[in-house]
C-alpha atoms as a PDB file:
ATOM      1  CA  MET A   1       5.106 -10.661 -10.729  1.00  0.00           C
ATOM      2  CA  ASP A   2       5.469 -13.798 -12.590  1.00  0.00           C
ATOM      3  CA  ALA A   3       6.247 -15.339  -9.274  1.00  0.00           C
ATOM      4  CA  VAL A   4       3.436 -13.931  -7.596  1.00  0.00           C
ATOM      5  CA  ARG A   5       1.041 -14.812  -9.847  1.00  0.00           C
ATOM      6  CA  THR A   6       2.760 -18.555 -10.094  1.00  0.00           C
ATOM      7  CA  GLN A   7       2.380 -18.913  -6.322  1.00  0.00           C
ATOM      8  CA  ALA A   8      -1.502 -17.581  -5.632  1.00  0.00           C
ATOM      9  CA  LEU A   9      -2.380 -20.131  -8.603  1.00  0.00           C
ATOM     10  CA  GLY A  10      -0.371 -22.854  -7.126  1.00  0.00           C
ATOM     11  CA  GLN A  11      -2.457 -22.177  -4.091  1.00  0.00           C
ATOM     12  CA  ALA A  12      -6.185 -22.028  -5.546  1.00  0.00           C
ATOM     13  CA  ALA A  13      -6.749 -22.854  -9.105  1.00  0.00           C
ATOM     14  CA  SER A  14      -9.646 -20.630  -9.305  1.00  0.00           C
ATOM     15  CA  THR A  15      -7.627 -17.668  -9.002  1.00  0.00           C
ATOM     16  CA  ARG A  16      -7.887 -14.719 -10.599  1.00  0.00           C
ATOM     17  CA  ILE A  17      -5.031 -12.207 -11.625  1.00  0.00           C
ATOM     18  CA  PHE A  18      -5.547  -8.614 -12.461  1.00  0.00           C
ATOM     19  CA  VAL A  19      -2.793  -6.495 -13.334  1.00  0.00           C
ATOM     20  CA  GLN A  20      -2.581  -2.656 -13.334  1.00  0.00           C
ATOM     21  CA  THR A  21      -1.132  -1.757 -16.480  1.00  0.00           C
ATOM     22  CA  GLU A  22      -0.365   2.268 -15.245  1.00  0.00           C
ATOM     23  CA  GLN A  23       0.823   3.298 -11.856  1.00  0.00           C
ATOM     24  CA  LYS A  24      -1.487   5.794 -10.999  1.00  0.00           C
ATOM     25  CA  GLY A  25      -2.124   4.926  -7.401  1.00  0.00           C
ATOM     26  CA  THR A  26      -3.311   2.483  -5.174  1.00  0.00           C
ATOM     27  CA  ALA A  27      -6.906   2.727  -5.730  1.00  0.00           C
ATOM     28  CA  ASP A  28      -6.532   2.453  -9.194  1.00  0.00           C
ATOM     29  CA  ALA A  29      -4.520  -0.839  -8.653  1.00  0.00           C
ATOM     30  CA  LEU A  30      -7.870  -2.050  -7.349  1.00  0.00           C
ATOM     31  CA  LEU A  31      -9.777  -0.830 -10.267  1.00  0.00           C
ATOM     32  CA  ALA A  32      -8.058  -3.197 -12.026  1.00  0.00           C
ATOM     33  CA  ALA A  33     -10.038  -6.110 -10.260  1.00  0.00           C
ATOM     34  CA  ARG A  34     -13.431  -3.812 -10.501  1.00  0.00           C
ATOM     35  CA  GLU A  35     -15.251  -6.389 -12.550  1.00  0.00           C
ATOM     36  CA  ALA A  36     -14.678  -9.277 -10.157  1.00  0.00           C
ATOM     37  CA  LEU A  37     -15.306  -6.756  -7.209  1.00  0.00           C
ATOM     38  CA  GLU A  38     -18.741  -5.573  -9.404  1.00  0.00           C
ATOM     39  CA  MET A  39     -19.854  -9.702  -8.961  1.00  0.00           C
ATOM     40  CA  HIS A  40     -18.428 -10.455  -5.621  1.00  0.00           C
ATOM     41  CA  LYS A  41     -20.851 -11.369  -2.648  1.00  0.00           C
ATOM     42  CA  GLY A  42     -18.883 -11.414   0.468  1.00  0.00           C
ATOM     43  CA  ASP A  43     -16.587  -9.251   2.293  1.00  0.00           C
ATOM     44  CA  VAL A  44     -13.634  -7.805   0.527  1.00  0.00           C
ATOM     45  CA  LEU A  45     -10.097  -7.199   2.094  1.00  0.00           C
ATOM     46  CA  VAL A  46      -7.262  -5.274   0.325  1.00  0.00           C
ATOM     47  CA  LEU A  47      -4.123  -6.377   1.311  1.00  0.00           C
ATOM     48  CA  TYR A  48      -1.172  -4.705  -0.120  1.00  0.00           C
ATOM     49  CA  ALA A  49       1.915  -7.815  -1.242  1.00  0.00           C
ATOM     50  CA  ASP A  50       4.272  -6.140   1.273  1.00  0.00           C
ATOM     51  CA  THR A  51       2.465  -6.228   4.538  1.00  0.00           C
ATOM     52  CA  PRO A  52       4.220  -8.992   6.550  1.00  0.00           C
ATOM     53  CA  LEU A  53       3.538 -11.185   9.268  1.00  0.00           C
ATOM     54  CA  LEU A  54      -0.465 -11.012   8.927  1.00  0.00           C
ATOM     55  CA  THR A  55      -1.824 -13.911  11.139  1.00  0.00           C
ATOM     56  CA  PRO A  56      -5.695 -15.243  10.436  1.00  0.00           C
ATOM     57  CA  GLU A  57      -6.667 -13.598  13.736  1.00  0.00           C
ATOM     58  CA  THR A  58      -5.646 -10.133  12.648  1.00  0.00           C
ATOM     59  CA  LEU A  59      -7.439 -10.495   9.657  1.00  0.00           C
ATOM     60  CA  THR A  60     -10.599 -11.858  11.476  1.00  0.00           C
ATOM     61  CA  ARG A  61     -10.767  -8.726  14.078  1.00  0.00           C
ATOM     62  CA  LEU A  62     -10.675  -6.666  10.949  1.00  0.00           C
ATOM     63  CA  LEU A  63     -13.706  -8.422   9.513  1.00  0.00           C
ATOM     64  CA  ASP A  64     -15.489  -8.505  12.897  1.00  0.00           C
ATOM     65  CA  ARG A  65     -15.195  -4.870  13.149  1.00  0.00           C
ATOM     66  CA  LEU A  66     -17.423  -3.899   9.487  1.00  0.00           C
ATOM     67  CA  ASP A  67     -20.353  -5.449  11.510  1.00  0.00           C
ATOM     68  CA  ASP A  68     -20.896  -1.657  12.491  1.00  0.00           C
ATOM     69  CA  ALA A  69     -18.602   0.184   9.944  1.00  0.00           C
ATOM     70  CA  GLN A  70     -18.784   0.541   6.318  1.00  0.00           C
ATOM     71  CA  ILE A  71     -14.983   0.254   5.843  1.00  0.00           C
ATOM     72  CA  ALA A  72     -12.679  -0.739   8.072  1.00  0.00           C
ATOM     73  CA  VAL A  73      -7.982  -0.002   8.667  1.00  0.00           C
ATOM     74  CA  LEU A  74      -6.201  -1.791   9.791  1.00  0.00           C
ATOM     75  CA  ALA A  75      -3.127   0.176  11.923  1.00  0.00           C
ATOM     76  CA  SER A  76      -0.274  -0.140  14.010  1.00  0.00           C
ATOM     77  CA  ARG A  77       1.387   2.674  16.251  1.00  0.00           C
ATOM     78  CA  PRO A  78       4.594   3.531  14.407  1.00  0.00           C
ATOM     79  CA  PRO A  79       5.045   7.448  14.003  1.00  0.00           C
ATOM     80  CA  THR A  80       4.937   7.203  10.348  1.00  0.00           C
ATOM     81  CA  ARG A  81       2.199   7.444   7.966  1.00  0.00           C
ATOM     82  CA  PRO A  82      -0.399   9.145  10.314  1.00  0.00           C
ATOM     83  CA  VAL A  83      -3.584   8.177  10.716  1.00  0.00           C
ATOM     84  CA  ARG A  84      -5.784  10.772  12.264  1.00  0.00           C
ATOM     85  CA  ALA A  85      -8.281   9.265  14.277  1.00  0.00           C
ATOM     86  CA  ALA A  86     -11.652  11.012  16.272  1.00  0.00           C
ATOM     87  CA  HIS A  87     -13.875  10.103  19.101  1.00  0.00           C
ATOM     88  CA  HIS A  88     -16.971   9.018  18.469  1.00  0.00           C
ATOM     89  CA  ARG A  89     -19.882   8.535  21.146  1.00  0.00           C
ATOM     90  CA  GLN A  90     -19.562   4.585  20.591  1.00  0.00           C
ATOM     91  CA  GLY A  91     -15.752   4.249  20.003  1.00  0.00           C
ATOM     92  CA  ARG A  92     -13.240   5.422  18.010  1.00  0.00           C
ATOM     93  CA  TRP A  93     -13.907   6.118  14.605  1.00  0.00           C
ATOM     94  CA  LEU A  94     -11.278   7.034  11.743  1.00  0.00           C
ATOM     95  CA  THR A  95     -11.738  10.228  10.016  1.00  0.00           C
ATOM     96  CA  ALA A  96      -8.718  10.065   7.402  1.00  0.00           C
ATOM     97  CA  ILE A  97      -5.484   8.561   6.424  1.00  0.00           C
ATOM     98  CA  ARG A  98      -3.022  11.027   4.963  1.00  0.00           C
ATOM     99  CA  GLU A  99       0.767  10.237   3.519  1.00  0.00           C
ATOM    100  CA  GLU A 100       3.492  11.994   5.583  1.00  0.00           C
ATOM    101  CA  ASN A 101       4.423  14.505   2.900  1.00  0.00           C
ATOM    102  CA  ASP A 102       0.426  15.529   2.673  1.00  0.00           C
ATOM    103  CA  ALA A 103      -0.208  15.866   6.597  1.00  0.00           C
ATOM    104  CA  THR A 104      -0.744  18.695   8.740  1.00  0.00           C
ATOM    105  CA  ASP A 105       1.416  19.535  11.880  1.00  0.00           C
ATOM    106  CA  ALA A 106      -1.530  18.191  13.920  1.00  0.00           C
ATOM    107  CA  GLU A 107      -1.858  15.036  11.781  1.00  0.00           C
ATOM    108  CA  ARG A 108       1.972  13.940  12.215  1.00  0.00           C
ATOM    109  CA  ARG A 109       1.542  13.854  16.000  1.00  0.00           C
ATOM    110  CA  VAL A 110      -0.924  10.872  15.565  1.00  0.00           C
ATOM    111  CA  LYS A 111       0.801   7.730  16.660  1.00  0.00           C
ATOM    112  CA  LEU A 112      -0.801   5.585  14.253  1.00  0.00           C
ATOM    113  CA  CYS A 113       0.136   3.675  10.772  1.00  0.00           C
ATOM    114  CA  ASN A 114      -1.426   2.738   7.928  1.00  0.00           C
ATOM    115  CA  SER A 115      -1.177  -0.785   7.517  1.00  0.00           C
ATOM    116  CA  GLY A 116      -2.421  -1.208   3.892  1.00  0.00           C
ATOM    117  CA  VAL A 117      -5.105  -3.695   5.116  1.00  0.00           C
ATOM    118  CA  ILE A 118      -8.582  -2.341   4.369  1.00  0.00           C
ATOM    119  CA  GLY A 119     -11.988  -4.158   4.910  1.00  0.00           C
ATOM    120  CA  VAL A 120     -14.840  -3.720   3.285  1.00  0.00           C
ATOM    121  CA  PRO A 121     -18.396  -5.396   4.256  1.00  0.00           C
ATOM    122  CA  ARG A 122     -20.703  -7.592   2.294  1.00  0.00           C
ATOM    123  CA  ARG A 123     -23.160  -5.054   1.835  1.00  0.00           C
ATOM    124  CA  GLU A 124     -20.940  -2.479   0.932  1.00  0.00           C
ATOM    125  CA  SER A 125     -17.846  -4.883  -1.606  1.00  0.00           C
ATOM    126  CA  ARG A 126     -19.840  -3.942  -4.659  1.00  0.00           C
ATOM    127  CA  GLY A 127     -18.533  -0.103  -4.206  1.00  0.00           C
ATOM    128  CA  ALA A 128     -15.151  -1.139  -3.068  1.00  0.00           C
ATOM    129  CA  ALA A 129     -13.936   0.015  -6.242  1.00  0.00           C
ATOM    130  CA  GLY A 130     -15.745   3.269  -6.532  1.00  0.00           C
ATOM    131  CA  PRO A 131     -14.951   6.591  -5.880  1.00  0.00           C
ATOM    132  CA  HIS A 132     -11.182   8.063  -5.269  1.00  0.00           C
ATOM    133  CA  ARG A 133     -10.211  11.308  -5.938  1.00  0.00           C
ATOM    134  CA  GLN A 134      -6.531  12.112  -7.693  1.00  0.00           C
ATOM    135  CA  CYS A 135      -4.116  13.148  -5.177  1.00  0.00           C
ATOM    136  CA  GLN A 136      -3.047  16.626  -7.156  1.00  0.00           C
ATOM    137  CA  ARG A 137       0.651  16.843  -5.917  1.00  0.00           C
ATOM    138  CA  GLN A 138       1.290  13.133  -7.143  1.00  0.00           C
ATOM    139  CA  GLY A 139      -1.191  12.768  -9.753  1.00  0.00           C
ATOM    140  CA  GLU A 140      -2.181   9.432  -8.060  1.00  0.00           C
ATOM    141  CA  PHE A 141      -5.350   8.205  -6.822  1.00  0.00           C
ATOM    142  CA  TYR A 142      -5.260   6.741  -3.243  1.00  0.00           C
ATOM    143  CA  LEU A 143      -6.973   3.562  -1.927  1.00  0.00           C
ATOM    144  CA  THR A 144      -6.747   5.374   1.253  1.00  0.00           C
ATOM    145  CA  ASP A 145      -8.970   8.009   0.301  1.00  0.00           C
ATOM    146  CA  ALA A 146     -11.640   5.883   0.625  1.00  0.00           C
ATOM    147  CA  VAL A 147     -11.969   6.501   4.394  1.00  0.00           C
ATOM    148  CA  ALA A 148     -12.338  10.447   4.156  1.00  0.00           C
ATOM    149  CA  ILE A 149     -14.979  10.003   1.145  1.00  0.00           C
ATOM    150  CA  ALA A 150     -16.963   7.347   3.043  1.00  0.00           C
ATOM    151  CA  ARG A 151     -16.830   9.844   5.901  1.00  0.00           C
ATOM    152  CA  GLU A 152     -18.031  12.710   3.959  1.00  0.00           C
ATOM    153  CA  ALA A 153     -21.136  10.360   2.787  1.00  0.00           C
ATOM    154  CA  GLY A 154     -21.665   9.683   6.538  1.00  0.00           C
ATOM    155  CA  ALA A 155     -20.517   6.209   6.606  1.00  0.00           C
ATOM    156  CA  ARG A 156     -18.304   5.060   9.745  1.00  0.00           C
ATOM    157  CA  ALA A 157     -14.652   4.142   9.371  1.00  0.00           C
ATOM    158  CA  GLY A 158     -13.518   1.590  11.971  1.00  0.00           C
ATOM    159  CA  ILE A 159      -9.935   0.674  12.738  1.00  0.00           C
ATOM    160  CA  VAL A 160      -8.133  -2.371  14.160  1.00  0.00           C
ATOM    161  CA  VAL A 161      -5.182  -1.688  16.038  1.00  0.00           C
ATOM    162  CA  CYS A 162      -2.652  -4.658  15.437  1.00  0.00           C
ATOM    163  CA  GLU A 163      -1.004  -6.250  18.319  1.00  0.00           C
ATOM    164  CA  ARG A 164       2.786  -6.544  18.970  1.00  0.00           C
ATOM    165  CA  THR A 165       4.101  -9.584  19.353  1.00  0.00           C
ATOM    166  CA  ARG A 166       7.419 -10.557  19.770  1.00  0.00           C
END
């Protein structure tokens, strides 16, 4: 953590660091920055520290997807951590993200993998740290639940599939 803090502050002195004091899930980690999110006026990208090899072009594609969605998720095609998707009349919309051990057999057959990178547009960013449900089995709050919560509220959840490079 200290090395990441030093590196981040070395890139931009105005960087603010927020620390998740208890390990209660990815949504709880985002809540550590609630104060900054509530004051922020732009699009929000949430990136996990262990997401490798992202290009500016990939992140731009994710931000562009926010033009017609209230949340967007970056995915890839490995057969783990399934992402269930449904077809919508204007294209493909994400309906939920499930951890492998929480997924149904049908969800496990979907060949998309959540990268952990999520975008929220400027018009929705004040609620980026909003409602999340506690997963009963693990007792944690998953950021990925934001997709299902958004869909239940009638919002569209977009998806961008990473291109493979060699």
